[in-house]
PDB file of all heavy atoms in Angstrom:
ATOM      1  N   GLN A   1     140.084 167.496-107.643  1.00  0.00           N
ATOM      2  CA  GLN A   1     141.084 167.618-106.708  1.00  0.00           C
ATOM      3  C   GLN A   1     141.923 168.848-107.053  1.00  0.00           C
ATOM      4  O   GLN A   1     142.539 169.012-108.102  1.00  0.00           O
ATOM      5  CB  GLN A   1     142.082 166.377-106.641  1.00  0.00           C
ATOM      6  CG  GLN A   1     143.199 166.570-105.685  1.00  0.00           C
ATOM      7  CD  GLN A   1     144.096 165.242-105.811  1.00  0.00           C
ATOM      8  OE1 GLN A   1     143.534 164.124-106.011  1.00  0.00           O
ATOM      9  NE2 GLN A   1     145.407 165.313-105.423  1.00  0.00           N
ATOM     10  N   ARG A   2     141.925 169.865-106.033  1.00  0.00           N
ATOM     11  CA  ARG A   2     142.611 171.016-106.281  1.00  0.00           C
ATOM     12  C   ARG A   2     144.086 170.771-106.129  1.00  0.00           C
ATOM     13  O   ARG A   2     144.547 170.035-105.190  1.00  0.00           O
ATOM     14  CB  ARG A   2     142.256 172.152-105.191  1.00  0.00           C
ATOM     15  CG  ARG A   2     143.004 173.499-105.427  1.00  0.00           C
ATOM     16  CD  ARG A   2     142.689 174.330-104.245  1.00  0.00           C
ATOM     17  NE  ARG A   2     141.306 174.839-104.211  1.00  0.00           N
ATOM     18  CZ  ARG A   2     140.880 175.861-104.705  1.00  0.00           C
ATOM     19  NH1 ARG A   2     141.659 176.791-105.318  1.00  0.00           N
ATOM     20  NH2 ARG A   2     139.545 176.249-104.643  1.00  0.00           N
ATOM     21  N   THR A   3     145.041 171.325-106.985  1.00  0.00           N
ATOM     22  CA  THR A   3     146.336 170.999-106.939  1.00  0.00           C
ATOM     23  C   THR A   3     147.122 171.983-107.702  1.00  0.00           C
ATOM     24  O   THR A   3     146.616 172.891-108.363  1.00  0.00           O
ATOM     25  CB  THR A   3     146.626 169.553-107.507  1.00  0.00           C
ATOM     26  OG1 THR A   3     148.096 169.328-107.247  1.00  0.00           O
ATOM     27  CG2 THR A   3     146.555 169.558-109.052  1.00  0.00           C
ATOM     28  N   THR A   4     148.417 171.975-107.657  1.00  0.00           N
ATOM     29  CA  THR A   4     149.315 172.807-108.516  1.00  0.00           C
ATOM     30  C   THR A   4     149.619 171.944-109.803  1.00  0.00           C
ATOM     31  O   THR A   4     150.379 170.907-109.553  1.00  0.00           O
ATOM     32  CB  THR A   4     150.565 173.125-107.766  1.00  0.00           C
ATOM     33  OG1 THR A   4     150.299 173.960-106.648  1.00  0.00           O
ATOM     34  CG2 THR A   4     151.432 174.123-108.697  1.00  0.00           C
ATOM     35  N   ILE A   5     149.154 172.362-110.896  1.00  0.00           N
ATOM     36  CA  ILE A   5     149.443 171.634-112.121  1.00  0.00           C
ATOM     37  C   ILE A   5     150.847 171.539-112.419  1.00  0.00           C
ATOM     38  O   ILE A   5     151.523 172.583-112.562  1.00  0.00           O
ATOM     39  CB  ILE A   5     148.524 172.105-113.325  1.00  0.00           C
ATOM     40  CG1 ILE A   5     147.086 172.235-112.912  1.00  0.00           C
ATOM     41  CG2 ILE A   5     148.734 171.214-114.512  1.00  0.00           C
ATOM     42  CD1 ILE A   5     146.398 170.918-112.671  1.00  0.00           C
ATOM     43  N   GLN A   6     151.292 170.260-112.716  1.00  0.00           N
ATOM     44  CA  GLN A   6     152.789 170.057-113.062  1.00  0.00           C
ATOM     45  C   GLN A   6     152.783 169.137-114.191  1.00  0.00           C
ATOM     46  O   GLN A   6     151.806 168.677-114.764  1.00  0.00           O
ATOM     47  CB  GLN A   6     153.508 169.562-111.827  1.00  0.00           C
ATOM     48  CG  GLN A   6     153.562 170.469-110.578  1.00  0.00           C
ATOM     49  CD  GLN A   6     154.419 171.741-110.883  1.00  0.00           C
ATOM     50  OE1 GLN A   6     155.179 171.711-111.725  1.00  0.00           O
ATOM     51  NE2 GLN A   6     154.155 172.741-109.988  1.00  0.00           N
ATOM     52  N   THR A   7     154.051 168.785-114.620  1.00  0.00           N
ATOM     53  CA  THR A   7     154.350 167.969-115.636  1.00  0.00           C
ATOM     54  C   THR A   7     153.634 166.729-115.524  1.00  0.00           C
ATOM     55  O   THR A   7     152.951 166.126-116.545  1.00  0.00           O
ATOM     56  CB  THR A   7     155.797 167.695-115.859  1.00  0.00           C
ATOM     57  OG1 THR A   7     156.495 168.921-115.921  1.00  0.00           O
ATOM     58  CG2 THR A   7     156.099 166.844-117.145  1.00  0.00           C
ATOM     59  N   ASP A   8     153.614 165.997-114.438  1.00  0.00           N
ATOM     60  CA  ASP A   8     153.061 164.687-114.239  1.00  0.00           C
ATOM     61  C   ASP A   8     151.601 164.686-114.426  1.00  0.00           C
ATOM     62  O   ASP A   8     151.014 163.761-114.991  1.00  0.00           O
ATOM     63  CB  ASP A   8     153.349 164.208-112.787  1.00  0.00           C
ATOM     64  CG  ASP A   8     154.614 163.626-112.579  1.00  0.00           C
ATOM     65  OD1 ASP A   8     155.350 163.358-113.546  1.00  0.00           O
ATOM     66  OD2 ASP A   8     155.075 163.440-111.290  1.00  0.00           O
ATOM     67  N   HIS A   9     150.820 165.695-114.227  1.00  0.00           N
ATOM     68  CA  HIS A   9     149.295 165.846-114.513  1.00  0.00           C
ATOM     69  C   HIS A   9     149.071 165.783-115.970  1.00  0.00           C
ATOM     70  O   HIS A   9     148.176 165.116-116.457  1.00  0.00           O
ATOM     71  CB  HIS A   9     148.857 167.031-113.912  1.00  0.00           C
ATOM     72  CG  HIS A   9     148.908 167.165-112.353  1.00  0.00           C
ATOM     73  ND1 HIS A   9     149.913 167.831-111.775  1.00  0.00           N
ATOM     74  CD2 HIS A   9     148.319 166.444-111.362  1.00  0.00           C
ATOM     75  CE1 HIS A   9     149.736 167.681-110.463  1.00  0.00           C
ATOM     76  NE2 HIS A   9     148.788 166.918-110.148  1.00  0.00           N
ATOM     77  N   ILE A  10     149.974 166.489-116.776  1.00  0.00           N
ATOM     78  CA  ILE A  10     149.804 166.472-118.219  1.00  0.00           C
ATOM     79  C   ILE A  10     150.094 165.109-118.770  1.00  0.00           C
ATOM     80  O   ILE A  10     149.309 164.678-119.734  1.00  0.00           O
ATOM     81  CB  ILE A  10     150.654 167.651-118.844  1.00  0.00           C
ATOM     82  CG1 ILE A  10     150.430 168.876-118.160  1.00  0.00           C
ATOM     83  CG2 ILE A  10     150.407 167.762-120.272  1.00  0.00           C
ATOM     84  CD1 ILE A  10     149.013 169.442-118.231  1.00  0.00           C
ATOM     85  N   LEU A  11     151.333 164.552-118.281  1.00  0.00           N
ATOM     86  CA  LEU A  11     151.606 163.299-118.786  1.00  0.00           C
ATOM     87  C   LEU A  11     150.636 162.150-118.313  1.00  0.00           C
ATOM     88  O   LEU A  11     150.200 161.293-119.248  1.00  0.00           O
ATOM     89  CB  LEU A  11     152.887 162.823-118.229  1.00  0.00           C
ATOM     90  CG  LEU A  11     154.205 163.549-118.548  1.00  0.00           C
ATOM     91  CD1 LEU A  11     155.425 163.254-117.798  1.00  0.00           C
ATOM     92  CD2 LEU A  11     154.482 163.270-120.142  1.00  0.00           C
ATOM     93  N   ALA A  12     149.920 162.261-117.310  1.00  0.00           N
ATOM     94  CA  ALA A  12     148.920 161.389-116.863  1.00  0.00           C
ATOM     95  C   ALA A  12     147.656 161.505-117.789  1.00  0.00           C
ATOM     96  O   ALA A  12     147.084 160.381-118.227  1.00  0.00           O
ATOM     97  CB  ALA A  12     148.491 161.603-115.449  1.00  0.00           C
ATOM     98  N   SER A  13     147.396 162.709-118.016  1.00  0.00           N
ATOM     99  CA  SER A  13     146.057 162.892-118.793  1.00  0.00           C
ATOM    100  C   SER A  13     146.203 162.364-120.308  1.00  0.00           C
ATOM    101  O   SER A  13     145.289 161.893-120.820  1.00  0.00           O
ATOM    102  CB  SER A  13     145.719 164.428-118.926  1.00  0.00           C
ATOM    103  OG  SER A  13     144.578 164.696-119.548  1.00  0.00           O
ATOM    104  N   SER A  14     147.412 162.345-120.697  1.00  0.00           N
ATOM    105  CA  SER A  14     147.707 162.049-122.199  1.00  0.00           C
ATOM    106  C   SER A  14     148.346 160.593-122.183  1.00  0.00           C
ATOM    107  O   SER A  14     148.841 160.243-123.432  1.00  0.00           O
ATOM    108  CB  SER A  14     148.590 163.032-122.784  1.00  0.00           C
ATOM    109  OG  SER A  14     149.861 163.160-122.084  1.00  0.00           O
ATOM    110  N   ALA A  15     148.313 159.762-121.095  1.00  0.00           N
ATOM    111  CA  ALA A  15     148.929 158.427-121.221  1.00  0.00           C
ATOM    112  C   ALA A  15     147.824 157.540-121.993  1.00  0.00           C
ATOM    113  O   ALA A  15     147.145 156.777-121.343  1.00  0.00           O
ATOM    114  CB  ALA A  15     149.271 158.009-119.814  1.00  0.00           C
ATOM    115  N   LEU A  16     148.131 157.392-123.245  1.00  0.00           N
ATOM    116  CA  LEU A  16     147.216 156.554-123.990  1.00  0.00           C
ATOM    117  C   LEU A  16     147.406 155.043-123.582  1.00  0.00           C
ATOM    118  O   LEU A  16     148.402 154.622-123.536  1.00  0.00           O
ATOM    119  CB  LEU A  16     147.670 156.711-125.434  1.00  0.00           C
ATOM    120  CG  LEU A  16     146.789 156.051-126.647  1.00  0.00           C
ATOM    121  CD1 LEU A  16     145.479 156.788-126.670  1.00  0.00           C
ATOM    122  CD2 LEU A  16     147.448 156.050-127.904  1.00  0.00           C
ATOM    123  N   PRO A  17     146.260 154.482-123.172  1.00  0.00           N
ATOM    124  CA  PRO A  17     146.410 153.071-122.613  1.00  0.00           C
ATOM    125  C   PRO A  17     147.006 152.119-123.548  1.00  0.00           C
ATOM    126  O   PRO A  17     146.732 152.300-124.903  1.00  0.00           O
ATOM    127  CB  PRO A  17     145.017 152.718-122.314  1.00  0.00           C
ATOM    128  CG  PRO A  17     144.062 153.674-123.085  1.00  0.00           C
ATOM    129  CD  PRO A  17     144.947 154.891-123.313  1.00  0.00           C
ATOM    130  N   LEU A  18     147.769 151.177-123.117  1.00  0.00           N
ATOM    131  CA  LEU A  18     148.408 150.192-123.953  1.00  0.00           C
ATOM    132  C   LEU A  18     149.688 150.638-124.690  1.00  0.00           C
ATOM    133  O   LEU A  18     150.549 149.937-124.770  1.00  0.00           O
ATOM    134  CB  LEU A  18     147.550 149.429-124.979  1.00  0.00           C
ATOM    135  CG  LEU A  18     146.350 148.784-124.524  1.00  0.00           C
ATOM    136  CD1 LEU A  18     145.511 148.233-125.744  1.00  0.00           C
ATOM    137  CD2 LEU A  18     146.610 147.810-123.395  1.00  0.00           C
ATOM    138  N   PHE A  19     149.714 151.923-125.029  1.00  0.00           N
ATOM    139  CA  PHE A  19     150.824 152.526-125.816  1.00  0.00           C
ATOM    140  C   PHE A  19     151.712 153.243-124.843  1.00  0.00           C
ATOM    141  O   PHE A  19     152.851 153.111-124.904  1.00  0.00           O
ATOM    142  CB  PHE A  19     150.367 153.315-126.997  1.00  0.00           C
ATOM    143  CG  PHE A  19     149.812 152.515-128.042  1.00  0.00           C
ATOM    144  CD1 PHE A  19     148.418 152.334-128.128  1.00  0.00           C
ATOM    145  CD2 PHE A  19     150.440 152.037-129.005  1.00  0.00           C
ATOM    146  CE1 PHE A  19     147.725 151.611-129.031  1.00  0.00           C
ATOM    147  CE2 PHE A  19     149.988 151.172-130.007  1.00  0.00           C
ATOM    148  CZ  PHE A  19     148.621 150.930-130.062  1.00  0.00           C
ATOM    149  N   PHE A  20     151.173 154.064-123.995  1.00  0.00           N
ATOM    150  CA  PHE A  20     151.952 155.044-123.092  1.00  0.00           C
ATOM    151  C   PHE A  20     151.894 154.496-121.620  1.00  0.00           C
ATOM    152  O   PHE A  20     150.922 153.906-121.175  1.00  0.00           O
ATOM    153  CB  PHE A  20     151.469 156.397-123.062  1.00  0.00           C
ATOM    154  CG  PHE A  20     151.626 157.095-124.414  1.00  0.00           C
ATOM    155  CD1 PHE A  20     151.118 158.429-124.730  1.00  0.00           C
ATOM    156  CD2 PHE A  20     152.307 156.537-125.601  1.00  0.00           C
ATOM    157  CE1 PHE A  20     151.144 158.896-126.087  1.00  0.00           C
ATOM    158  CE2 PHE A  20     152.483 157.111-126.856  1.00  0.00           C
ATOM    159  CZ  PHE A  20     151.934 158.256-126.955  1.00  0.00           C
ATOM    160  N   PRO A  21     153.004 154.640-120.864  1.00  0.00           N
ATOM    161  CA  PRO A  21     152.916 154.235-119.502  1.00  0.00           C
ATOM    162  C   PRO A  21     152.115 155.063-118.573  1.00  0.00           C
ATOM    163  O   PRO A  21     151.938 156.350-118.864  1.00  0.00           O
ATOM    164  CB  PRO A  21     154.378 154.322-119.113  1.00  0.00           C
ATOM    165  CG  PRO A  21     154.946 155.535-119.812  1.00  0.00           C
ATOM    166  CD  PRO A  21     154.318 155.300-121.237  1.00  0.00           C
ATOM    167  N   THR A  22     151.609 154.508-117.554  1.00  0.00           N
ATOM    168  CA  THR A  22     150.875 155.243-116.521  1.00  0.00           C
ATOM    169  C   THR A  22     151.731 156.106-115.722  1.00  0.00           C
ATOM    170  O   THR A  22     153.093 156.072-115.857  1.00  0.00           O
ATOM    171  CB  THR A  22     150.171 154.304-115.478  1.00  0.00           C
ATOM    172  OG1 THR A  22     151.176 153.460-114.788  1.00  0.00           O
ATOM    173  CG2 THR A  22     149.201 153.344-116.230  1.00  0.00           C
ATOM    174  N   VAL A  23     151.180 157.075-114.984  1.00  0.00           N
ATOM    175  CA  VAL A  23     152.044 158.097-114.223  1.00  0.00           C
ATOM    176  C   VAL A  23     151.514 158.068-112.885  1.00  0.00           C
ATOM    177  O   VAL A  23     150.312 158.159-112.477  1.00  0.00           O
ATOM    178  CB  VAL A  23     151.837 159.534-114.793  1.00  0.00           C
ATOM    179  CG1 VAL A  23     152.619 160.517-114.027  1.00  0.00           C
ATOM    180  CG2 VAL A  23     152.154 159.600-116.314  1.00  0.00           C
ATOM    181  N   ALA A  24     152.508 157.963-111.998  1.00  0.00           N
ATOM    182  CA  ALA A  24     152.168 157.912-110.430  1.00  0.00           C
ATOM    183  C   ALA A  24     152.089 159.291-109.862  1.00  0.00           C
ATOM    184  O   ALA A  24     153.046 159.960-110.060  1.00  0.00           O
ATOM    185  CB  ALA A  24     153.241 157.029-109.751  1.00  0.00           C
ATOM    186  N   ILE A  25     150.956 159.498-109.314  1.00  0.00           N
ATOM    187  CA  ILE A  25     150.754 160.806-108.590  1.00  0.00           C
ATOM    188  C   ILE A  25     150.185 160.492-107.188  1.00  0.00           C
ATOM    189  O   ILE A  25     149.143 159.826-107.041  1.00  0.00           O
ATOM    190  CB  ILE A  25     149.676 161.720-109.333  1.00  0.00           C
ATOM    191  CG1 ILE A  25     150.215 162.045-110.741  1.00  0.00           C
ATOM    192  CG2 ILE A  25     149.412 162.931-108.532  1.00  0.00           C
ATOM    193  CD1 ILE A  25     149.203 162.838-111.583  1.00  0.00           C
TER     194      ILE A  25
END
């Protein structure tokens, strides 16, 4: 998906399951 990379994309990619929350995009 082409997009303008922002903070949410980095947070989503690094959201370790069970430990870090998911990110809504």
